[in-house]
C-alpha atoms as a PDB file:
ATOM      1  CA  MET A   1       0.000   0.000   0.000  1.00  0.00           C
ATOM      2  CA  PRO A   2       1.248   3.526  -0.725  1.00  0.00           C
ATOM      3  CA  LEU A   3       2.403   5.747   2.102  1.00  0.00           C
ATOM      4  CA  ARG A   4      -0.435   7.914   3.416  1.00  0.00           C
ATOM      5  CA  LEU A   5       1.092  11.250   4.352  1.00  0.00           C
ATOM      6  CA  GLY A   6      -0.696  14.194   5.955  1.00  0.00           C
ATOM      7  CA  ILE A   7       0.538  17.782   5.636  1.00  0.00           C
ATOM      8  CA  LEU A   8      -0.398  20.557   8.056  1.00  0.00           C
ATOM      9  CA  GLY A   9       1.091  23.916   7.221  1.00  0.00           C
ATOM     10  CA  GLY A  10       0.875  27.153   9.127  1.00  0.00           C
ATOM     11  CA  THR A  11       2.753  29.908  10.864  1.00  0.00           C
ATOM     12  CA  PHE A  12       2.530  28.137  14.250  1.00  0.00           C
ATOM     13  CA  ASP A  13       3.231  31.361  16.112  1.00  0.00           C
ATOM     14  CA  PRO A  14       2.949  29.610  18.525  1.00  0.00           C
ATOM     15  CA  VAL A  15       1.788  26.014  18.054  1.00  0.00           C
ATOM     16  CA  HIS A  16      -1.038  25.194  20.498  1.00  0.00           C
ATOM     17  CA  LEU A  17      -3.196  22.306  21.665  1.00  0.00           C
ATOM     18  CA  GLY A  18      -5.828  23.008  19.007  1.00  0.00           C
ATOM     19  CA  HIS A  19      -3.262  22.315  16.283  1.00  0.00           C
ATOM     20  CA  LEU A  20      -2.159  19.111  17.970  1.00  0.00           C
ATOM     21  CA  ARG A  21      -5.654  17.758  18.565  1.00  0.00           C
ATOM     22  CA  ALA A  22      -6.708  18.487  14.971  1.00  0.00           C
ATOM     23  CA  ALA A  23      -3.617  16.662  13.716  1.00  0.00           C
ATOM     24  CA  GLU A  24      -4.304  13.666  15.959  1.00  0.00           C
ATOM     25  CA  GLU A  25      -7.882  13.412  14.714  1.00  0.00           C
ATOM     26  CA  ALA A  26      -6.740  13.625  11.094  1.00  0.00           C
ATOM     27  CA  VAL A  27      -4.245  10.794  11.610  1.00  0.00           C
ATOM     28  CA  GLU A  28      -7.002   8.607  13.032  1.00  0.00           C
ATOM     29  CA  PHE A  29      -9.711   9.606  10.525  1.00  0.00           C
ATOM     30  CA  LEU A  30      -7.527   9.057   7.459  1.00  0.00           C
ATOM     31  CA  GLY A  31      -5.365   6.210   8.728  1.00  0.00           C
ATOM     32  CA  LEU A  32      -2.220   8.235   8.065  1.00  0.00           C
ATOM     33  CA  ASP A  33       1.224   6.698   8.336  1.00  0.00           C
ATOM     34  CA  ALA A  34       2.649  10.094   9.245  1.00  0.00           C
ATOM     35  CA  LEU A  35       1.623  13.724   9.525  1.00  0.00           C
ATOM     36  CA  ASN A  36       4.112  16.456   8.677  1.00  0.00           C
ATOM     37  CA  PHE A  37       3.918  19.840  10.387  1.00  0.00           C
ATOM     38  CA  VAL A  38       5.278  22.376   7.905  1.00  0.00           C
ATOM     39  CA  PRO A  39       6.026  25.808   9.426  1.00  0.00           C
ATOM     40  CA  ALA A  40       5.969  28.621   6.902  1.00  0.00           C
ATOM     41  CA  ALA A  41       9.267  30.416   6.391  1.00  0.00           C
ATOM     42  CA  LEU A  42       7.826  33.520   4.659  1.00  0.00           C
ATOM     43  CA  PRO A  43       4.019  33.374   4.985  1.00  0.00           C
ATOM     44  CA  PRO A  44       2.468  35.300   2.071  1.00  0.00           C
ATOM     45  CA  HIS A  45      -0.707  36.188   4.025  1.00  0.00           C
ATOM     46  CA  LYS A  46       1.015  37.385   7.230  1.00  0.00           C
ATOM     47  CA  THR A  47       2.442  40.737   6.201  1.00  0.00           C
ATOM     48  CA  ASP A  48       0.643  42.851   8.820  1.00  0.00           C
ATOM     49  CA  ARG A  49       2.693  41.895  11.890  1.00  0.00           C
ATOM     50  CA  ASN A  50       6.079  40.704  13.031  1.00  0.00           C
ATOM     51  CA  ILE A  51       6.431  36.940  13.329  1.00  0.00           C
ATOM     52  CA  VAL A  52       8.935  35.291  15.642  1.00  0.00           C
ATOM     53  CA  SER A  53      11.893  33.646  13.960  1.00  0.00           C
ATOM     54  CA  PHE A  54      11.584  30.406  12.048  1.00  0.00           C
ATOM     55  CA  GLU A  55      14.080  28.879  14.473  1.00  0.00           C
ATOM     56  CA  SER A  56      11.851  29.659  17.479  1.00  0.00           C
ATOM     57  CA  ARG A  57       8.697  28.384  15.785  1.00  0.00           C
ATOM     58  CA  TRP A  58      10.584  25.238  14.719  1.00  0.00           C
ATOM     59  CA  ARG A  59      11.813  24.602  18.263  1.00  0.00           C
ATOM     60  CA  MET A  60       8.322  25.049  19.725  1.00  0.00           C
ATOM     61  CA  LEU A  61       6.997  22.505  17.235  1.00  0.00           C
ATOM     62  CA  GLN A  62       9.793  20.094  18.117  1.00  0.00           C
ATOM     63  CA  LEU A  63       8.846  20.343  21.772  1.00  0.00           C
ATOM     64  CA  ALA A  64       5.113  20.063  21.055  1.00  0.00           C
ATOM     65  CA  ILE A  65       5.221  16.890  18.944  1.00  0.00           C
ATOM     66  CA  ALA A  66       7.856  15.017  20.959  1.00  0.00           C
ATOM     67  CA  GLY A  67       6.620  11.556  21.892  1.00  0.00           C
ATOM     68  CA  ASN A  68       4.150  11.103  19.029  1.00  0.00           C
ATOM     69  CA  PRO A  69       5.775   8.729  16.507  1.00  0.00           C
ATOM     70  CA  ARG A  70       3.382   9.695  13.702  1.00  0.00           C
ATOM     71  CA  PHE A  71       4.035  13.422  14.005  1.00  0.00           C
ATOM     72  CA  HIS A  72       6.960  14.716  11.971  1.00  0.00           C
ATOM     73  CA  LEU A  73       8.461  18.141  11.342  1.00  0.00           C
ATOM     74  CA  SER A  74       9.460  19.351   7.877  1.00  0.00           C
ATOM     75  CA  ASP A  75      11.783  22.255   7.037  1.00  0.00           C
ATOM     76  CA  LEU A  76      10.631  22.110   3.421  1.00  0.00           C
ATOM     77  CA  GLU A  77       9.447  25.715   3.253  1.00  0.00           C
ATOM     78  CA  LEU A  78      12.748  26.953   4.658  1.00  0.00           C
ATOM     79  CA  ARG A  79      14.525  25.151   1.825  1.00  0.00           C
ATOM     80  CA  ILE A  80      12.265  26.587  -0.887  1.00  0.00           C
ATOM     81  CA  PRO A  81      13.361  30.130  -1.848  1.00  0.00           C
ATOM     82  CA  GLY A  82      10.852  32.953  -1.742  1.00  0.00           C
ATOM     83  CA  LYS A  83       7.408  33.054  -0.160  1.00  0.00           C
ATOM     84  CA  SER A  84       5.884  29.911   1.321  1.00  0.00           C
ATOM     85  CA  TYR A  85       3.182  29.045  -1.196  1.00  0.00           C
ATOM     86  CA  THR A  86       1.238  25.846  -0.546  1.00  0.00           C
ATOM     87  CA  VAL A  87       1.370  24.736  -4.162  1.00  0.00           C
ATOM     88  CA  HIS A  88       5.181  24.865  -4.165  1.00  0.00           C
ATOM     89  CA  SER A  89       5.345  22.806  -0.986  1.00  0.00           C
ATOM     90  CA  LEU A  90       2.991  20.154  -2.331  1.00  0.00           C
ATOM     91  CA  ARG A  91       4.989  19.877  -5.556  1.00  0.00           C
ATOM     92  CA  SER A  92       8.102  19.284  -3.455  1.00  0.00           C
ATOM     93  CA  PHE A  93       6.365  16.660  -1.307  1.00  0.00           C
ATOM     94  CA  ARG A  94       5.347  14.895  -4.524  1.00  0.00           C
ATOM     95  CA  GLN A  95       8.997  14.813  -5.580  1.00  0.00           C
ATOM     96  CA  GLU A  96      10.296  13.700  -2.183  1.00  0.00           C
ATOM     97  CA  TYR A  97       7.644  10.996  -1.688  1.00  0.00           C
ATOM     98  CA  PRO A  98       6.892   9.538  -5.126  1.00  0.00           C
ATOM     99  CA  GLY A  99       3.873   7.274  -5.079  1.00  0.00           C
ATOM    100  CA  ALA A 100       2.624   8.504  -1.686  1.00  0.00           C
ATOM    101  CA  GLU A 101      -0.966   9.589  -1.116  1.00  0.00           C
ATOM    102  CA  LEU A 102      -0.849  13.183   0.108  1.00  0.00           C
ATOM    103  CA  PHE A 103      -3.513  14.777   2.288  1.00  0.00           C
ATOM    104  CA  PHE A 104      -3.417  18.531   2.862  1.00  0.00           C
ATOM    105  CA  LEU A 105      -5.165  19.710   6.033  1.00  0.00           C
ATOM    106  CA  VAL A 106      -6.897  23.094   6.032  1.00  0.00           C
ATOM    107  CA  GLY A 107      -9.448  24.834   8.233  1.00  0.00           C
ATOM    108  CA  CYS A 108     -12.914  25.509   6.849  1.00  0.00           C
ATOM    109  CA  ASP A 109     -12.504  29.298   6.740  1.00  0.00           C
ATOM    110  CA  ALA A 110      -9.186  29.023   4.932  1.00  0.00           C
ATOM    111  CA  PHE A 111     -10.604  26.428   2.511  1.00  0.00           C
ATOM    112  CA  LEU A 112     -13.346  28.841   1.461  1.00  0.00           C
ATOM    113  CA  GLU A 113     -10.654  31.405   0.590  1.00  0.00           C
ATOM    114  CA  MET A 114      -8.381  29.053  -1.362  1.00  0.00           C
ATOM    115  CA  ASN A 115      -9.358  30.715  -4.626  1.00  0.00           C
ATOM    116  CA  THR A 116      -7.143  33.632  -3.483  1.00  0.00           C
ATOM    117  CA  TRP A 117      -4.100  31.370  -3.106  1.00  0.00           C
ATOM    118  CA  HIS A 118      -1.267  31.143  -5.627  1.00  0.00           C
ATOM    119  CA  ASP A 119      -2.054  28.602  -8.415  1.00  0.00           C
ATOM    120  CA  PHE A 120      -4.833  27.258  -6.186  1.00  0.00           C
ATOM    121  CA  ARG A 121      -6.428  24.880  -8.721  1.00  0.00           C
ATOM    122  CA  GLU A 122      -3.238  22.838  -8.947  1.00  0.00           C
ATOM    123  CA  ILE A 123      -3.450  22.145  -5.212  1.00  0.00           C
ATOM    124  CA  PHE A 124      -6.548  20.000  -5.851  1.00  0.00           C
ATOM    125  CA  ALA A 125      -4.558  17.851  -8.282  1.00  0.00           C
ATOM    126  CA  LEU A 126      -1.609  17.364  -5.937  1.00  0.00           C
ATOM    127  CA  ALA A 127      -3.265  16.230  -2.700  1.00  0.00           C
ATOM    128  CA  GLY A 128      -6.524  15.233  -1.102  1.00  0.00           C
ATOM    129  CA  ILE A 129      -7.939  18.243   0.713  1.00  0.00           C
ATOM    130  CA  VAL A 130      -9.013  17.575   4.294  1.00  0.00           C
ATOM    131  CA  VAL A 131     -11.317  20.345   5.484  1.00  0.00           C
ATOM    132  CA  MET A 132     -11.252  20.530   9.266  1.00  0.00           C
ATOM    133  CA  CYS A 133     -14.736  21.689  10.121  1.00  0.00           C
ATOM    134  CA  ARG A 134     -16.781  23.180  12.868  1.00  0.00           C
ATOM    135  CA  ALA A 135     -20.375  22.056  13.330  1.00  0.00           C
ATOM    136  CA  ASP A 136     -21.629  24.942  11.152  1.00  0.00           C
ATOM    137  CA  CYS A 137     -19.497  23.950   8.130  1.00  0.00           C
ATOM    138  CA  SER A 138     -21.560  21.647   5.898  1.00  0.00           C
ATOM    139  CA  LEU A 139     -20.590  19.262   3.113  1.00  0.00           C
ATOM    140  CA  GLU A 140     -22.922  21.235   0.842  1.00  0.00           C
ATOM    141  CA  GLN A 141     -20.970  24.430   1.564  1.00  0.00           C
ATOM    142  CA  ILE A 142     -17.702  22.709   0.723  1.00  0.00           C
ATOM    143  CA  LEU A 143     -19.205  21.240  -2.463  1.00  0.00           C
ATOM    144  CA  ALA A 144     -20.529  24.634  -3.569  1.00  0.00           C
ATOM    145  CA  PHE A 145     -17.046  26.113  -3.308  1.00  0.00           C
ATOM    146  CA  ALA A 146     -15.419  23.183  -5.112  1.00  0.00           C
ATOM    147  CA  THR A 147     -17.878  23.191  -8.030  1.00  0.00           C
ATOM    148  CA  GLY A 148     -17.938  26.979  -8.293  1.00  0.00           C
ATOM    149  CA  LYS A 149     -14.222  27.722  -7.980  1.00  0.00           C
ATOM    150  CA  VAL A 150     -12.382  24.542  -9.002  1.00  0.00           C
ATOM    151  CA  SER A 151     -14.440  22.156 -11.189  1.00  0.00           C
ATOM    152  CA  GLY A 152     -18.095  21.470 -11.853  1.00  0.00           C
ATOM    153  CA  LEU A 153     -17.360  17.728 -11.971  1.00  0.00           C
ATOM    154  CA  TYR A 154     -17.126  17.338  -8.207  1.00  0.00           C
ATOM    155  CA  GLU A 155     -19.866  15.204  -6.657  1.00  0.00           C
ATOM    156  CA  ALA A 156     -20.645  14.648  -2.990  1.00  0.00           C
ATOM    157  CA  ASP A 157     -20.660  11.225  -1.331  1.00  0.00           C
ATOM    158  CA  PRO A 158     -22.359  12.065   1.999  1.00  0.00           C
ATOM    159  CA  SER A 159     -22.100   8.517   3.352  1.00  0.00           C
ATOM    160  CA  ALA A 160     -18.295   8.736   3.152  1.00  0.00           C
ATOM    161  CA  GLY A 161     -18.021  12.424   4.018  1.00  0.00           C
ATOM    162  CA  GLN A 162     -16.188  12.969   0.740  1.00  0.00           C
ATOM    163  CA  ILE A 163     -16.456  14.996  -2.431  1.00  0.00           C
ATOM    164  CA  ARG A 164     -15.092  13.067  -5.408  1.00  0.00           C
ATOM    165  CA  HIS A 165     -13.811  14.045  -8.831  1.00  0.00           C
ATOM    166  CA  PRO A 166     -13.003  11.835 -11.851  1.00  0.00           C
ATOM    167  CA  GLU A 167      -9.492  13.281 -12.189  1.00  0.00           C
ATOM    168  CA  LEU A 168      -8.655  15.530  -9.241  1.00  0.00           C
ATOM    169  CA  CYS A 169      -8.064  14.352  -5.675  1.00  0.00           C
ATOM    170  CA  SER A 170     -10.967  13.942  -3.294  1.00  0.00           C
ATOM    171  CA  ILE A 171     -12.042  16.493  -0.697  1.00  0.00           C
ATOM    172  CA  TYR A 172     -12.775  15.185   2.806  1.00  0.00           C
ATOM    173  CA  LYS A 173     -14.845  16.731   5.577  1.00  0.00           C
ATOM    174  CA  LEU A 174     -13.395  16.157   9.041  1.00  0.00           C
ATOM    175  CA  LEU A 175     -15.544  17.335  11.948  1.00  0.00           C
ATOM    176  CA  ASN A 176     -13.018  18.278  14.624  1.00  0.00           C
ATOM    177  CA  THR A 177     -13.411  18.509  18.343  1.00  0.00           C
ATOM    178  CA  ARG A 178     -14.208  22.139  19.050  1.00  0.00           C
ATOM    179  CA  ILE A 179     -11.223  23.716  20.836  1.00  0.00           C
ATOM    180  CA  ASP A 180     -11.490  27.479  20.758  1.00  0.00           C
ATOM    181  CA  ILE A 181      -7.799  28.398  20.893  1.00  0.00           C
ATOM    182  CA  SER A 182      -5.931  30.782  18.619  1.00  0.00           C
ATOM    183  CA  SER A 183      -2.286  31.764  18.376  1.00  0.00           C
ATOM    184  CA  THR A 184      -3.413  35.398  18.353  1.00  0.00           C
ATOM    185  CA  ARG A 185      -5.101  34.995  21.747  1.00  0.00           C
ATOM    186  CA  ILE A 186      -2.038  33.252  23.168  1.00  0.00           C
ATOM    187  CA  ARG A 187       0.220  36.109  22.059  1.00  0.00           C
ATOM    188  CA  GLU A 188      -2.179  38.615  23.615  1.00  0.00           C
ATOM    189  CA  LEU A 189      -2.196  36.759  26.926  1.00  0.00           C
ATOM    190  CA  VAL A 190       1.596  36.539  27.035  1.00  0.00           C
ATOM    191  CA  ALA A 191       1.898  40.253  26.257  1.00  0.00           C
ATOM    192  CA  LYS A 192      -0.358  40.935  29.253  1.00  0.00           C
ATOM    193  CA  ARG A 193       1.721  38.545  31.391  1.00  0.00           C
ATOM    194  CA  ARG A 194      -1.228  36.233  31.904  1.00  0.00           C
ATOM    195  CA  SER A 195      -1.182  32.441  32.074  1.00  0.00           C
ATOM    196  CA  ILE A 196      -1.293  30.344  28.905  1.00  0.00           C
ATOM    197  CA  ARG A 197      -1.444  27.098  30.831  1.00  0.00           C
ATOM    198  CA  TYR A 198      -3.641  24.424  29.175  1.00  0.00           C
ATOM    199  CA  LEU A 199      -3.507  26.327  25.857  1.00  0.00           C
ATOM    200  CA  VAL A 200      -0.066  25.077  24.823  1.00  0.00           C
ATOM    201  CA  PRO A 201       2.042  22.096  25.943  1.00  0.00           C
ATOM    202  CA  ASP A 202       4.018  22.846  29.111  1.00  0.00           C
ATOM    203  CA  SER A 203       7.290  22.540  27.188  1.00  0.00           C
ATOM    204  CA  VAL A 204       6.162  25.251  24.746  1.00  0.00           C
ATOM    205  CA  TRP A 205       4.956  27.405  27.620  1.00  0.00           C
ATOM    206  CA  SER A 206       8.388  27.217  29.252  1.00  0.00           C
ATOM    207  CA  TYR A 207      10.176  27.961  25.971  1.00  0.00           C
ATOM    208  CA  ILE A 208       8.082  31.094  25.414  1.00  0.00           C
ATOM    209  CA  ALA A 209       8.921  32.411  28.882  1.00  0.00           C
ATOM    210  CA  GLU A 210      12.597  31.494  28.792  1.00  0.00           C
ATOM    211  CA  ASN A 211      13.140  33.178  25.422  1.00  0.00           C
ATOM    212  CA  SER A 212      11.084  36.340  25.985  1.00  0.00           C
ATOM    213  CA  LEU A 213       8.737  35.573  23.089  1.00  0.00           C
ATOM    214  CA  TYR A 214       5.757  37.892  22.586  1.00  0.00           C
ATOM    215  CA  THR A 215       6.891  40.094  25.490  1.00  0.00           C
ATOM    216  CA  GLY A 216      10.080  41.730  26.657  1.00  0.00           C
ATOM    217  CA  ALA A 217       9.388  40.801  30.255  1.00  0.00           C
ATOM    218  CA  ALA A 218      10.207  37.107  30.593  1.00  0.00           C
ATOM    219  CA  GLY A 219      11.616  36.397  34.016  1.00  0.00           C
ATOM    220  CA  ARG A 220       9.667  39.176  35.740  1.00  0.00           C
ATOM    221  CA  PRO A 221       7.903  37.916  38.869  1.00  0.00           C
ATOM    222  CA  ASP A 222       4.348  38.491  37.600  1.00  0.00           C
ATOM    223  CA  PHE A 223       4.968  36.488  34.421  1.00  0.00           C
ATOM    224  CA  GLU A 224       6.736  33.707  36.329  1.00  0.00           C
ATOM    225  CA  LEU A 225       3.766  33.467  38.690  1.00  0.00           C
ATOM    226  CA  ALA A 226       1.442  33.188  35.690  1.00  0.00           C
ATOM    227  CA  ARG A 227       3.559  30.344  34.326  1.00  0.00           C
ATOM    228  CA  ASN A 228       3.125  28.471  37.598  1.00  0.00           C
ATOM    229  CA  GLY A 229      -0.651  28.880  37.591  1.00  0.00           C
ATOM    230  CA  ASP A 230      -0.705  31.359  40.504  1.00  0.00           C
ATOM    231  CA  ALA A 231      -1.906  34.401  38.579  1.00  0.00           C
END
């Protein structure tokens, strides 16, 4: 059987428990052999704020996925020159893993904006698209986007939770456990020297504090108290 390889890209600034739980559910739902976390080196849609270094985001991911043998970390987008476009990454995965079945994970909101992405139609030929959904994201909504923006030949298979195409890769709906966490909120809490316990793995929490990420006040007593759950 061909290798079944999941791909979860993002800024991961920082990685949090919502990312990890979504990845775990995708591995189980799709029967993946491995899932690659792919941090963006130069995110094309994140031009409105400063992002911590690739090295820091990479280290936080290393800490977060330690102990899960199916979770892997890829520096692919660091090795590709220029902006981190999804289509370029998927082409490279195709070259590095010939014959593998690729599954690209994307949130529902981002999926419905994929027509704004660079060479977006090619993405649907390179990998199965796994739409990680909330309860209010329906298969019909996903199908309407696919037929309207990509190809009118897509057809839904509700019993399998899939949308199939005679030539392109399938689209899958994955209803995730609702975990209302965002990297933006985590950065805001750290900047206010408030606890981020139970939002990120403890190892990531410690790394953020020790390296003064998202605030210039790591090591101050109020922030250290927050790290220990006392504030």
